[in-house]
Amino acid sequence: AYTAKIASNYSEPLYLNTDSLLPSAVFYSEKSVETIASKVYKGESLKDFALSSSAPFIVIGEKWKIDIEKKRIQEQELELLAEKNEYQLVRINK
């Protein structure tokens, strides 16, 4: 809920890199939210998704998944906006 509330302050499109938060993310962010976890699980990285999407955009995901993506995405392209417990909100700029 915390990261979704913070997401409501940003104008960029919001994506989830997890399947478990969709209802609360929609409610607390008051945004249209798309889940990209299924694409990432099929072998597409967040970097691949970023390259095929219009950027910038924001993503809520589990910290361990975001940490893996930090190795694939250049530091200046990924900005940490908020973190609570095991979830992070990041902005992808390309």
PDB file of N, CA and C in Angstrom:
ATOM      1  N   ALA A   1       0.815  -1.184   0.000  1.00  0.00           N
ATOM      2  CA  ALA A   1       0.000   0.000   0.000  1.00  0.00           C
ATOM      3  C   ALA A   1       0.877   1.274   0.000  1.00  0.00           C
ATOM      4  N   TYR A   2       1.956   1.247   0.764  1.00  0.00           N
ATOM      5  CA  TYR A   2       2.812   2.435   0.872  1.00  0.00           C
ATOM      6  C   TYR A   2       3.384   2.844  -0.485  1.00  0.00           C
ATOM      7  N   THR A   3       3.978   1.898  -1.207  1.00  0.00           N
ATOM      8  CA  THR A   3       4.590   2.238  -2.496  1.00  0.00           C
ATOM      9  C   THR A   3       3.532   2.677  -3.507  1.00  0.00           C
ATOM     10  N   ALA A   4       2.350   2.099  -3.440  1.00  0.00           N
ATOM     11  CA  ALA A   4       1.272   2.503  -4.344  1.00  0.00           C
ATOM     12  C   ALA A   4       0.795   3.916  -4.028  1.00  0.00           C
ATOM     13  N   LYS A   5       0.714   4.268  -2.750  1.00  0.00           N
ATOM     14  CA  LYS A   5       0.342   5.640  -2.385  1.00  0.00           C
ATOM     15  C   LYS A   5       1.366   6.629  -2.918  1.00  0.00           C
ATOM     16  N   ILE A   6       2.641   6.296  -2.806  1.00  0.00           N
ATOM     17  CA  ILE A   6       3.699   7.167  -3.345  1.00  0.00           C
ATOM     18  C   ILE A   6       3.566   7.271  -4.861  1.00  0.00           C
ATOM     19  N   ALA A   7       3.228   6.169  -5.509  1.00  0.00           N
ATOM     20  CA  ALA A   7       3.067   6.156  -6.974  1.00  0.00           C
ATOM     21  C   ALA A   7       1.999   7.127  -7.440  1.00  0.00           C
ATOM     22  N   SER A   8       1.014   7.399  -6.591  1.00  0.00           N
ATOM     23  CA  SER A   8      -0.053   8.329  -6.982  1.00  0.00           C
ATOM     24  C   SER A   8       0.478   9.745  -7.209  1.00  0.00           C
ATOM     25  N   ASN A   9       1.667  10.035  -6.701  1.00  0.00           N
ATOM     26  CA  ASN A   9       2.265  11.366  -6.870  1.00  0.00           C
ATOM     27  C   ASN A   9       2.993  11.541  -8.197  1.00  0.00           C
ATOM     28  N   TYR A  10       3.082  10.495  -8.991  1.00  0.00           N
ATOM     29  CA  TYR A  10       3.837  10.533 -10.251  1.00  0.00           C
ATOM     30  C   TYR A  10       2.889  10.384 -11.435  1.00  0.00           C
ATOM     31  N   SER A  11       3.208  11.060 -12.512  1.00  0.00           N
ATOM     32  CA  SER A  11       2.339  11.040 -13.692  1.00  0.00           C
ATOM     33  C   SER A  11       2.626   9.878 -14.637  1.00  0.00           C
ATOM     34  N   GLU A  12       3.764   9.224 -14.463  1.00  0.00           N
ATOM     35  CA  GLU A  12       4.140   8.134 -15.368  1.00  0.00           C
ATOM     36  C   GLU A  12       3.203   6.932 -15.210  1.00  0.00           C
ATOM     37  N   PRO A  13       3.092   6.117 -16.266  1.00  0.00           N
ATOM     38  CA  PRO A  13       2.313   4.879 -16.165  1.00  0.00           C
ATOM     39  C   PRO A  13       2.906   3.965 -15.088  1.00  0.00           C
ATOM     40  N   LEU A  14       2.033   3.217 -14.404  1.00  0.00           N
ATOM     41  CA  LEU A  14       2.449   2.342 -13.318  1.00  0.00           C
ATOM     42  C   LEU A  14       2.316   0.879 -13.735  1.00  0.00           C
ATOM     43  N   TYR A  15       3.380   0.125 -13.518  1.00  0.00           N
ATOM     44  CA  TYR A  15       3.395  -1.310 -13.786  1.00  0.00           C
ATOM     45  C   TYR A  15       3.759  -2.058 -12.507  1.00  0.00           C
ATOM     46  N   LEU A  16       3.304  -3.294 -12.423  1.00  0.00           N
ATOM     47  CA  LEU A  16       3.645  -4.167 -11.299  1.00  0.00           C
ATOM     48  C   LEU A  16       4.521  -5.295 -11.793  1.00  0.00           C
ATOM     49  N   ASN A  17       5.600  -5.546 -11.095  1.00  0.00           N
ATOM     50  CA  ASN A  17       6.450  -6.700 -11.391  1.00  0.00           C
ATOM     51  C   ASN A  17       6.206  -7.773 -10.330  1.00  0.00           C
ATOM     52  N   THR A  18       4.942  -7.918  -9.961  1.00  0.00           N
ATOM     53  CA  THR A  18       4.478  -8.934  -9.026  1.00  0.00           C
ATOM     54  C   THR A  18       3.002  -9.167  -9.298  1.00  0.00           C
ATOM     55  N   ASP A  19       2.517 -10.348  -9.017  1.00  0.00           N
ATOM     56  CA  ASP A  19       1.106 -10.647  -9.247  1.00  0.00           C
ATOM     57  C   ASP A  19       0.244 -10.403  -8.018  1.00  0.00           C
ATOM     58  N   SER A  20       0.864 -10.210  -6.868  1.00  0.00           N
ATOM     59  CA  SER A  20       0.100 -10.218  -5.625  1.00  0.00           C
ATOM     60  C   SER A  20      -0.476  -8.869  -5.187  1.00  0.00           C
ATOM     61  N   LEU A  21      -0.097  -7.785  -5.805  1.00  0.00           N
ATOM     62  CA  LEU A  21      -0.496  -6.465  -5.306  1.00  0.00           C
ATOM     63  C   LEU A  21      -1.507  -5.725  -6.169  1.00  0.00           C
ATOM     64  N   LEU A  22      -2.033  -6.339  -7.189  1.00  0.00           N
ATOM     65  CA  LEU A  22      -2.846  -5.595  -8.156  1.00  0.00           C
ATOM     66  C   LEU A  22      -4.023  -4.848  -7.525  1.00  0.00           C
ATOM     67  N   PRO A  23      -4.882  -5.493  -6.739  1.00  0.00           N
ATOM     68  CA  PRO A  23      -6.017  -4.731  -6.192  1.00  0.00           C
ATOM     69  C   PRO A  23      -5.590  -3.542  -5.320  1.00  0.00           C
ATOM     70  N   SER A  24      -4.635  -3.748  -4.437  1.00  0.00           N
ATOM     71  CA  SER A  24      -4.224  -2.641  -3.567  1.00  0.00           C
ATOM     72  C   SER A  24      -3.472  -1.570  -4.349  1.00  0.00           C
ATOM     73  N   ALA A  25      -2.703  -1.957  -5.359  1.00  0.00           N
ATOM     74  CA  ALA A  25      -1.979  -0.965  -6.163  1.00  0.00           C
ATOM     75  C   ALA A  25      -2.948  -0.059  -6.911  1.00  0.00           C
ATOM     76  N   VAL A  26      -4.000  -0.634  -7.464  1.00  0.00           N
ATOM     77  CA  VAL A  26      -5.008   0.169  -8.169  1.00  0.00           C
ATOM     78  C   VAL A  26      -5.707   1.102  -7.192  1.00  0.00           C
ATOM     79  N   PHE A  27      -6.102   0.569  -6.050  1.00  0.00           N
ATOM     80  CA  PHE A  27      -6.829   1.364  -5.062  1.00  0.00           C
ATOM     81  C   PHE A  27      -5.993   2.523  -4.528  1.00  0.00           C
ATOM     82  N   TYR A  28      -4.806   2.231  -4.039  1.00  0.00           N
ATOM     83  CA  TYR A  28      -4.004   3.263  -3.371  1.00  0.00           C
ATOM     84  C   TYR A  28      -3.335   4.237  -4.333  1.00  0.00           C
ATOM     85  N   SER A  29      -2.996   3.788  -5.531  1.00  0.00           N
ATOM     86  CA  SER A  29      -2.358   4.707  -6.483  1.00  0.00           C
ATOM     87  C   SER A  29      -3.385   5.526  -7.254  1.00  0.00           C
ATOM     88  N   GLU A  30      -4.626   5.030  -7.301  1.00  0.00           N
ATOM     89  CA  GLU A  30      -5.681   5.667  -8.082  1.00  0.00           C
ATOM     90  C   GLU A  30      -5.270   5.793  -9.545  1.00  0.00           C
ATOM     91  N   LYS A  31      -4.566   4.755 -10.026  1.00  0.00           N
ATOM     92  CA  LYS A  31      -4.070   4.721 -11.407  1.00  0.00           C
ATOM     93  C   LYS A  31      -4.526   3.434 -12.089  1.00  0.00           C
ATOM     94  N   SER A  32      -4.459   3.443 -13.388  1.00  0.00           N
ATOM     95  CA  SER A  32      -4.576   2.218 -14.154  1.00  0.00           C
ATOM     96  C   SER A  32      -3.239   1.489 -14.008  1.00  0.00           C
ATOM     97  N   VAL A  33      -3.278   0.212 -13.667  1.00  0.00           N
ATOM     98  CA  VAL A  33      -2.060  -0.539 -13.378  1.00  0.00           C
ATOM     99  C   VAL A  33      -2.018  -1.783 -14.257  1.00  0.00           C
ATOM    100  N   GLU A  34      -0.871  -2.020 -14.864  1.00  0.00           N
ATOM    101  CA  GLU A  34      -0.679  -3.222 -15.691  1.00  0.00           C
ATOM    102  C   GLU A  34       0.366  -4.117 -15.029  1.00  0.00           C
ATOM    103  N   THR A  35       0.086  -5.406 -15.022  1.00  0.00           N
ATOM    104  CA  THR A  35       1.026  -6.375 -14.466  1.00  0.00           C
ATOM    105  C   THR A  35       1.974  -6.845 -15.560  1.00  0.00           C
ATOM    106  N   ILE A  36       3.259  -6.755 -15.299  1.00  0.00           N
ATOM    107  CA  ILE A  36       4.253  -7.221 -16.268  1.00  0.00           C
ATOM    108  C   ILE A  36       4.988  -8.457 -15.776  1.00  0.00           C
ATOM    109  N   ALA A  37       4.624  -8.951 -14.599  1.00  0.00           N
ATOM    110  CA  ALA A  37       5.335 -10.096 -14.019  1.00  0.00           C
ATOM    111  C   ALA A  37       5.308 -11.302 -14.944  1.00  0.00           C
ATOM    112  N   SER A  38       4.187 -11.564 -15.609  1.00  0.00           N
ATOM    113  CA  SER A  38       4.112 -12.740 -16.483  1.00  0.00           C
ATOM    114  C   SER A  38       5.084 -12.627 -17.650  1.00  0.00           C
ATOM    115  N   LYS A  39       5.306 -11.428 -18.154  1.00  0.00           N
ATOM    116  CA  LYS A  39       6.266 -11.227 -19.236  1.00  0.00           C
ATOM    117  C   LYS A  39       7.687 -11.471 -18.734  1.00  0.00           C
ATOM    118  N   VAL A  40       7.978 -10.986 -17.544  1.00  0.00           N
ATOM    119  CA  VAL A  40       9.314 -11.150 -16.981  1.00  0.00           C
ATOM    120  C   VAL A  40       9.573 -12.606 -16.643  1.00  0.00           C
ATOM    121  N   TYR A  41       8.548 -13.319 -16.135  1.00  0.00           N
ATOM    122  CA  TYR A  41       8.718 -14.735 -15.818  1.00  0.00           C
ATOM    123  C   TYR A  41       8.996 -15.572 -17.064  1.00  0.00           C
ATOM    124  N   LYS A  42       8.536 -15.111 -18.228  1.00  0.00           N
ATOM    125  CA  LYS A  42       8.749 -15.851 -19.480  1.00  0.00           C
ATOM    126  C   LYS A  42      10.110 -15.571 -20.084  1.00  0.00           C
ATOM    127  N   GLY A  43      10.979 -14.910 -19.323  1.00  0.00           N
ATOM    128  CA  GLY A  43      12.335 -14.692 -19.803  1.00  0.00           C
ATOM    129  C   GLY A  43      12.634 -13.275 -20.238  1.00  0.00           C
ATOM    130  N   GLU A  44      11.598 -12.445 -20.340  1.00  0.00           N
ATOM    131  CA  GLU A  44      11.823 -11.044 -20.717  1.00  0.00           C
ATOM    132  C   GLU A  44      12.227 -10.277 -19.461  1.00  0.00           C
ATOM    133  N   SER A  45      13.308  -9.569 -19.529  1.00  0.00           N
ATOM    134  CA  SER A  45      13.750  -8.790 -18.374  1.00  0.00           C
ATOM    135  C   SER A  45      13.007  -7.460 -18.338  1.00  0.00           C
ATOM    136  N   LEU A  46      13.106  -6.782 -17.221  1.00  0.00           N
ATOM    137  CA  LEU A  46      12.543  -5.445 -17.118  1.00  0.00           C
ATOM    138  C   LEU A  46      13.222  -4.519 -18.120  1.00  0.00           C
ATOM    139  N   LYS A  47      14.495  -4.741 -18.380  1.00  0.00           N
ATOM    140  CA  LYS A  47      15.231  -3.972 -19.389  1.00  0.00           C
ATOM    141  C   LYS A  47      14.603  -4.185 -20.770  1.00  0.00           C
ATOM    142  N   ASP A  48      14.291  -5.450 -21.106  1.00  0.00           N
ATOM    143  CA  ASP A  48      13.633  -5.738 -22.382  1.00  0.00           C
ATOM    144  C   ASP A  48      12.293  -5.028 -22.472  1.00  0.00           C
ATOM    145  N   PHE A  49      11.541  -5.081 -21.377  1.00  0.00           N
ATOM    146  CA  PHE A  49      10.249  -4.401 -21.343  1.00  0.00           C
ATOM    147  C   PHE A  49      10.427  -2.900 -21.540  1.00  0.00           C
ATOM    148  N   ALA A  50      11.422  -2.325 -20.891  1.00  0.00           N
ATOM    149  CA  ALA A  50      11.684  -0.895 -21.019  1.00  0.00           C
ATOM    150  C   ALA A  50      12.025  -0.508 -22.456  1.00  0.00           C
ATOM    151  N   LEU A  51      12.805  -1.336 -23.111  1.00  0.00           N
ATOM    152  CA  LEU A  51      13.194  -1.045 -24.492  1.00  0.00           C
ATOM    153  C   LEU A  51      12.007  -1.089 -25.446  1.00  0.00           C
ATOM    154  N   SER A  52      11.004  -1.921 -25.126  1.00  0.00           N
ATOM    155  CA  SER A  52       9.844  -2.049 -26.006  1.00  0.00           C
ATOM    156  C   SER A  52       8.693  -1.138 -25.585  1.00  0.00           C
ATOM    157  N   SER A  53       8.869  -0.364 -24.527  1.00  0.00           N
ATOM    158  CA  SER A  53       7.806   0.501 -24.002  1.00  0.00           C
ATOM    159  C   SER A  53       8.212   1.963 -24.107  1.00  0.00           C
ATOM    160  N   SER A  54       7.197   2.789 -23.965  1.00  0.00           N
ATOM    161  CA  SER A  54       7.527   4.215 -23.881  1.00  0.00           C
ATOM    162  C   SER A  54       7.962   4.500 -22.451  1.00  0.00           C
ATOM    163  N   ALA A  55       9.009   5.232 -22.312  1.00  0.00           N
ATOM    164  CA  ALA A  55       9.535   5.544 -20.982  1.00  0.00           C
ATOM    165  C   ALA A  55       9.527   7.048 -20.833  1.00  0.00           C
ATOM    166  N   PRO A  56       9.545   7.570 -19.668  1.00  0.00           N
ATOM    167  CA  PRO A  56       9.724   6.878 -18.402  1.00  0.00           C
ATOM    168  C   PRO A  56       8.425   6.243 -17.906  1.00  0.00           C
ATOM    169  N   PHE A  57       8.573   5.276 -17.023  1.00  0.00           N
ATOM    170  CA  PHE A  57       7.433   4.667 -16.353  1.00  0.00           C
ATOM    171  C   PHE A  57       7.880   4.239 -14.965  1.00  0.00           C
ATOM    172  N   ILE A  58       6.928   3.907 -14.107  1.00  0.00           N
ATOM    173  CA  ILE A  58       7.256   3.497 -12.747  1.00  0.00           C
ATOM    174  C   ILE A  58       6.806   2.056 -12.525  1.00  0.00           C
ATOM    175  N   VAL A  59       7.533   1.371 -11.660  1.00  0.00           N
ATOM    176  CA  VAL A  59       7.298  -0.053 -11.405  1.00  0.00           C
ATOM    177  C   VAL A  59       7.320  -0.305  -9.907  1.00  0.00           C
ATOM    178  N   ILE A  60       6.352  -1.064  -9.434  1.00  0.00           N
ATOM    179  CA  ILE A  60       6.389  -1.601  -8.079  1.00  0.00           C
ATOM    180  C   ILE A  60       6.783  -3.061  -8.206  1.00  0.00           C
ATOM    181  N   GLY A  61       7.782  -3.460  -7.445  1.00  0.00           N
ATOM    182  CA  GLY A  61       8.228  -4.851  -7.478  1.00  0.00           C
ATOM    183  C   GLY A  61       8.897  -5.258  -6.189  1.00  0.00           C
ATOM    184  N   GLU A  62       9.075  -6.539  -6.063  1.00  0.00           N
ATOM    185  CA  GLU A  62       9.778  -7.053  -4.896  1.00  0.00           C
ATOM    186  C   GLU A  62      11.247  -6.650  -4.993  1.00  0.00           C
ATOM    187  N   LYS A  63      11.826  -6.309  -3.857  1.00  0.00           N
ATOM    188  CA  LYS A  63      13.194  -5.799  -3.823  1.00  0.00           C
ATOM    189  C   LYS A  63      14.176  -6.742  -4.499  1.00  0.00           C
ATOM    190  N   TRP A  64      14.057  -8.042  -4.284  1.00  0.00           N
ATOM    191  CA  TRP A  64      15.013  -8.985  -4.869  1.00  0.00           C
ATOM    192  C   TRP A  64      14.916  -8.988  -6.388  1.00  0.00           C
ATOM    193  N   LYS A  65      13.716  -8.792  -6.939  1.00  0.00           N
ATOM    194  CA  LYS A  65      13.577  -8.735  -8.400  1.00  0.00           C
ATOM    195  C   LYS A  65      14.189  -7.452  -8.950  1.00  0.00           C
ATOM    196  N   ILE A  66      13.953  -6.342  -8.263  1.00  0.00           N
ATOM    197  CA  ILE A  66      14.531  -5.069  -8.695  1.00  0.00           C
ATOM    198  C   ILE A  66      16.058  -5.130  -8.610  1.00  0.00           C
ATOM    199  N   ASP A  67      16.579  -5.765  -7.569  1.00  0.00           N
ATOM    200  CA  ASP A  67      18.036  -5.901  -7.442  1.00  0.00           C
ATOM    201  C   ASP A  67      18.636  -6.657  -8.616  1.00  0.00           C
ATOM    202  N   ILE A  68      17.964  -7.691  -9.091  1.00  0.00           N
ATOM    203  CA  ILE A  68      18.430  -8.433 -10.274  1.00  0.00           C
ATOM    204  C   ILE A  68      18.435  -7.514 -11.488  1.00  0.00           C
ATOM    205  N   GLU A  69      17.383  -6.720 -11.643  1.00  0.00           N
ATOM    206  CA  GLU A  69      17.277  -5.823 -12.796  1.00  0.00           C
ATOM    207  C   GLU A  69      18.319  -4.717 -12.757  1.00  0.00           C
ATOM    208  N   LYS A  70      18.747  -4.316 -11.570  1.00  0.00           N
ATOM    209  CA  LYS A  70      19.767  -3.263 -11.456  1.00  0.00           C
ATOM    210  C   LYS A  70      21.065  -3.674 -12.141  1.00  0.00           C
ATOM    211  N   LYS A  71      21.298  -4.968 -12.254  1.00  0.00           N
ATOM    212  CA  LYS A  71      22.498  -5.463 -12.935  1.00  0.00           C
ATOM    213  C   LYS A  71      22.364  -5.336 -14.449  1.00  0.00           C
ATOM    214  N   ARG A  72      21.138  -5.248 -14.948  1.00  0.00           N
ATOM    215  CA  ARG A  72      20.879  -5.185 -16.393  1.00  0.00           C
ATOM    216  C   ARG A  72      20.637  -3.770 -16.894  1.00  0.00           C
ATOM    217  N   ILE A  73      20.193  -2.900 -16.000  1.00  0.00           N
ATOM    218  CA  ILE A  73      19.808  -1.549 -16.383  1.00  0.00           C
ATOM    219  C   ILE A  73      20.873  -0.575 -15.887  1.00  0.00           C
ATOM    220  N   GLN A  74      21.268   0.352 -16.737  1.00  0.00           N
ATOM    221  CA  GLN A  74      22.277   1.332 -16.341  1.00  0.00           C
ATOM    222  C   GLN A  74      21.769   2.156 -15.160  1.00  0.00           C
ATOM    223  N   GLU A  75      22.677   2.512 -14.281  1.00  0.00           N
ATOM    224  CA  GLU A  75      22.318   3.198 -13.039  1.00  0.00           C
ATOM    225  C   GLU A  75      21.478   4.450 -13.267  1.00  0.00           C
ATOM    226  N   GLN A  76      21.797   5.224 -14.280  1.00  0.00           N
ATOM    227  CA  GLN A  76      21.057   6.456 -14.523  1.00  0.00           C
ATOM    228  C   GLN A  76      19.659   6.199 -15.085  1.00  0.00           C
ATOM    229  N   GLU A  77      19.381   4.970 -15.516  1.00  0.00           N
ATOM    230  CA  GLU A  77      18.068   4.636 -16.066  1.00  0.00           C
ATOM    231  C   GLU A  77      17.093   4.132 -15.014  1.00  0.00           C
ATOM    232  N   LEU A  78      17.553   3.801 -13.823  1.00  0.00           N
ATOM    233  CA  LEU A  78      16.700   3.265 -12.775  1.00  0.00           C
ATOM    234  C   LEU A  78      16.850   4.107 -11.519  1.00  0.00           C
ATOM    235  N   GLU A  79      15.742   4.692 -11.082  1.00  0.00           N
ATOM    236  CA  GLU A  79      15.765   5.582  -9.923  1.00  0.00           C
ATOM    237  C   GLU A  79      14.840   5.037  -8.841  1.00  0.00           C
ATOM    238  N   LEU A  80      15.357   4.834  -7.653  1.00  0.00           N
ATOM    239  CA  LEU A  80      14.556   4.377  -6.517  1.00  0.00           C
ATOM    240  C   LEU A  80      13.729   5.548  -5.997  1.00  0.00           C
ATOM    241  N   LEU A  81      12.412   5.376  -5.970  1.00  0.00           N
ATOM    242  CA  LEU A  81      11.513   6.430  -5.499  1.00  0.00           C
ATOM    243  C   LEU A  81      11.006   6.174  -4.084  1.00  0.00           C
ATOM    244  N   ALA A  82      10.803   4.882  -3.746  1.00  0.00           N
ATOM    245  CA  ALA A  82      10.292   4.536  -2.415  1.00  0.00           C
ATOM    246  C   ALA A  82      10.584   3.068  -2.134  1.00  0.00           C
ATOM    247  N   GLU A  83      10.662   2.757  -0.845  1.00  0.00           N
ATOM    248  CA  GLU A  83      10.891   1.374  -0.433  1.00  0.00           C
ATOM    249  C   GLU A  83      10.187   1.147   0.899  1.00  0.00           C
ATOM    250  N   LYS A  84       9.485   0.042   0.998  1.00  0.00           N
ATOM    251  CA  LYS A  84       8.814  -0.331   2.242  1.00  0.00           C
ATOM    252  C   LYS A  84       8.788  -1.845   2.320  1.00  0.00           C
ATOM    253  N   ASN A  85       9.308  -2.370   3.430  1.00  0.00           N
ATOM    254  CA  ASN A  85       9.400  -3.815   3.626  1.00  0.00           C
ATOM    255  C   ASN A  85      10.127  -4.446   2.447  1.00  0.00           C
ATOM    256  N   GLU A  86       9.495  -5.378   1.747  1.00  0.00           N
ATOM    257  CA  GLU A  86      10.196  -6.058   0.650  1.00  0.00           C
ATOM    258  C   GLU A  86       9.862  -5.485  -0.727  1.00  0.00           C
ATOM    259  N   TYR A  87       9.165  -4.344  -0.796  1.00  0.00           N
ATOM    260  CA  TYR A  87       8.757  -3.772  -2.082  1.00  0.00           C
ATOM    261  C   TYR A  87       9.440  -2.444  -2.347  1.00  0.00           C
ATOM    262  N   GLN A  88       9.695  -2.196  -3.638  1.00  0.00           N
ATOM    263  CA  GLN A  88      10.289  -0.938  -4.068  1.00  0.00           C
ATOM    264  C   GLN A  88       9.454  -0.334  -5.181  1.00  0.00           C
ATOM    265  N   LEU A  89       9.484   0.973  -5.243  1.00  0.00           N
ATOM    266  CA  LEU A  89       8.924   1.719  -6.352  1.00  0.00           C
ATOM    267  C   LEU A  89      10.086   2.373  -7.072  1.00  0.00           C
ATOM    268  N   VAL A  90      10.242   2.089  -8.355  1.00  0.00           N
ATOM    269  CA  VAL A  90      11.350   2.648  -9.129  1.00  0.00           C
ATOM    270  C   VAL A  90      10.820   3.310 -10.391  1.00  0.00           C
ATOM    271  N   ARG A  91      11.584   4.291 -10.865  1.00  0.00           N
ATOM    272  CA  ARG A  91      11.294   4.928 -12.158  1.00  0.00           C
ATOM    273  C   ARG A  91      12.326   4.409 -13.149  1.00  0.00           C
ATOM    274  N   ILE A  92      11.838   4.036 -14.323  1.00  0.00           N
ATOM    275  CA  ILE A  92      12.702   3.622 -15.421  1.00  0.00           C
ATOM    276  C   ILE A  92      12.745   4.768 -16.423  1.00  0.00           C
ATOM    277  N   ASN A  93      13.927   5.312 -16.640  1.00  0.00           N
ATOM    278  CA  ASN A  93      14.140   6.375 -17.622  1.00  0.00           C
ATOM    279  C   ASN A  93      15.025   5.784 -18.710  1.00  0.00           C
ATOM    280  N   LYS A  94      14.655   5.949 -19.940  1.00  0.00           N
ATOM    281  CA  LYS A  94      15.570   5.462 -20.987  1.00  0.00           C
ATOM    282  C   LYS A  94      15.830   6.528 -22.005  1.00  0.00           C
TER     283      LYS A  94
END
